[in-house]
Protein backbone atom coordinates (compact mmCIF):
# COMPACT_ATOMS: atom_id res chain seq x y z
CA MET A 1 0.00 0.06 0.14
CA SER A 2 1.11 3.68 -0.76
CA ILE A 3 2.26 6.41 1.18
CA LEU A 4 -0.89 7.89 0.25
CA ALA A 5 -3.27 5.53 0.91
CA TRP A 6 -1.58 4.92 4.28
CA VAL A 7 -2.75 8.86 5.19
CA VAL A 8 -6.14 8.31 3.86
CA LEU A 9 -6.49 5.30 5.79
CA GLY A 10 -5.27 6.66 8.64
CA LEU A 11 -7.00 9.90 8.12
CA LEU A 12 -10.41 7.75 7.75
CA ALA A 13 -9.99 5.31 10.61
CA GLY A 14 -8.75 7.55 13.15
CA ALA A 15 -11.75 9.82 12.39
CA ILE A 16 -14.52 7.55 12.23
CA ALA A 17 -12.83 5.76 15.53
CA LYS A 18 -12.80 9.30 17.20
CA ALA A 19 -16.52 9.95 16.51
CA ILE A 20 -17.71 6.15 17.74
CA HIS A 21 -15.10 6.42 20.78
CA PRO A 22 -17.12 8.35 23.93
CA GLY A 23 -15.46 11.14 25.54
CA TYR A 24 -13.03 14.02 24.48
CA GLN A 25 -9.52 12.39 23.05
CA GLY A 26 -8.03 15.99 21.91
CA GLY A 27 -5.52 15.97 19.26
CA GLY A 28 -5.64 17.55 15.57
CA ILE A 29 -6.02 16.00 12.37
CA VAL A 30 -1.82 14.89 12.47
CA SER A 31 -2.86 12.93 15.84
CA THR A 32 -5.64 11.51 13.97
CA MET A 33 -3.75 10.54 11.06
CA ILE A 34 -1.27 9.00 12.86
CA LEU A 35 -4.01 7.23 15.20
CA GLY A 36 -5.61 5.74 12.82
CA ILE A 37 -2.40 4.53 11.25
CA ILE A 38 -1.57 3.02 14.50
CA GLY A 39 -5.10 1.69 14.21
CA ALA A 40 -4.49 -0.12 11.24
CA PHE A 41 -1.59 -1.97 12.49
CA VAL A 42 -3.33 -2.44 15.75
CA GLY A 43 -6.26 -4.31 13.88
CA GLY A 44 -4.39 -5.81 11.31
CA SER A 45 -2.37 -7.56 14.04
CA LEU A 46 -5.24 -8.78 15.84
CA PHE A 47 -6.93 -9.84 12.43
CA THR A 48 -4.09 -11.97 11.59
CA LEU A 49 -4.13 -13.35 15.40
CA LEU A 50 -7.85 -14.09 14.89
CA ARG A 51 -7.28 -15.74 11.29
CA THR A 52 -4.17 -17.55 12.27
CA GLY A 53 -3.61 -18.05 15.64
CA THR A 54 0.26 -16.07 15.41
CA LEU A 55 0.85 -12.63 16.41
CA GLN A 56 2.55 -11.09 13.78
CA ILE A 57 2.29 -7.05 13.90
CA THR A 58 1.09 -6.30 10.15
CA ALA A 59 -1.11 -4.07 9.04
CA ALA A 60 -2.15 -6.70 6.11
CA GLY A 61 -5.63 -6.79 7.10
CA ALA A 62 -6.18 -3.01 6.77
CA GLY A 63 -6.53 -1.82 3.28
CA LEU A 64 -8.49 0.94 1.66
CA THR A 65 -11.17 -1.53 1.53
CA LEU A 66 -14.44 -1.82 3.63
CA PRO A 67 -13.11 -4.64 5.45
CA GLY A 68 -9.47 -2.92 5.71
CA ILE A 69 -11.37 0.31 6.75
CA LEU A 70 -13.49 -1.64 9.56
CA VAL A 71 -10.08 -3.24 10.68
CA ALA A 72 -8.27 0.06 11.09
CA VAL A 73 -11.10 1.58 12.83
CA VAL A 74 -11.93 -1.34 15.37
CA GLY A 75 -7.87 -0.92 15.53
CA ALA A 76 -8.13 2.84 16.19
CA ILE A 77 -10.60 2.33 18.96
CA VAL A 78 -8.16 0.09 20.57
CA ALA A 79 -5.92 2.50 20.20
CA ILE A 80 -7.58 5.18 21.55
CA TYR A 81 -8.89 3.13 24.77
CA LEU A 82 -5.04 2.03 25.37
CA TRP A 83 -4.01 5.50 25.18
CA GLY A 84 -6.60 6.89 27.23
CA LEU A 85 -5.25 4.11 30.24
CA ILE A 86 -2.11 5.47 29.80
CA ARG A 87 -2.83 8.85 29.67
CA ARG A 88 -4.95 8.49 33.08
CA SER A 89 -2.09 6.07 34.94
CA SER A 90 0.33 9.03 34.00
CA ASN A 91 -1.62 11.76 35.50
CA ALA A 92 -2.68 9.72 38.64
């Protein structure tokens, strides 16, 4: 997948995940893209784990297709949740 496709996928996945996940996440368009790209890797890795039973860090399950966007959005929601846990524990 090209860099432009990663940016588009990251922007879509991050924006959809921020709209779905409750609460305030902060950040602008760049953090949304980074969150979406991280989400594509998290979602692709989880998809590979469920499909093959092996954990591989890959975004192979995430592409510019409807299933790929769904995988990236689920991964981005997981990334938002984990980031919220990290931020809460560091503020305590």
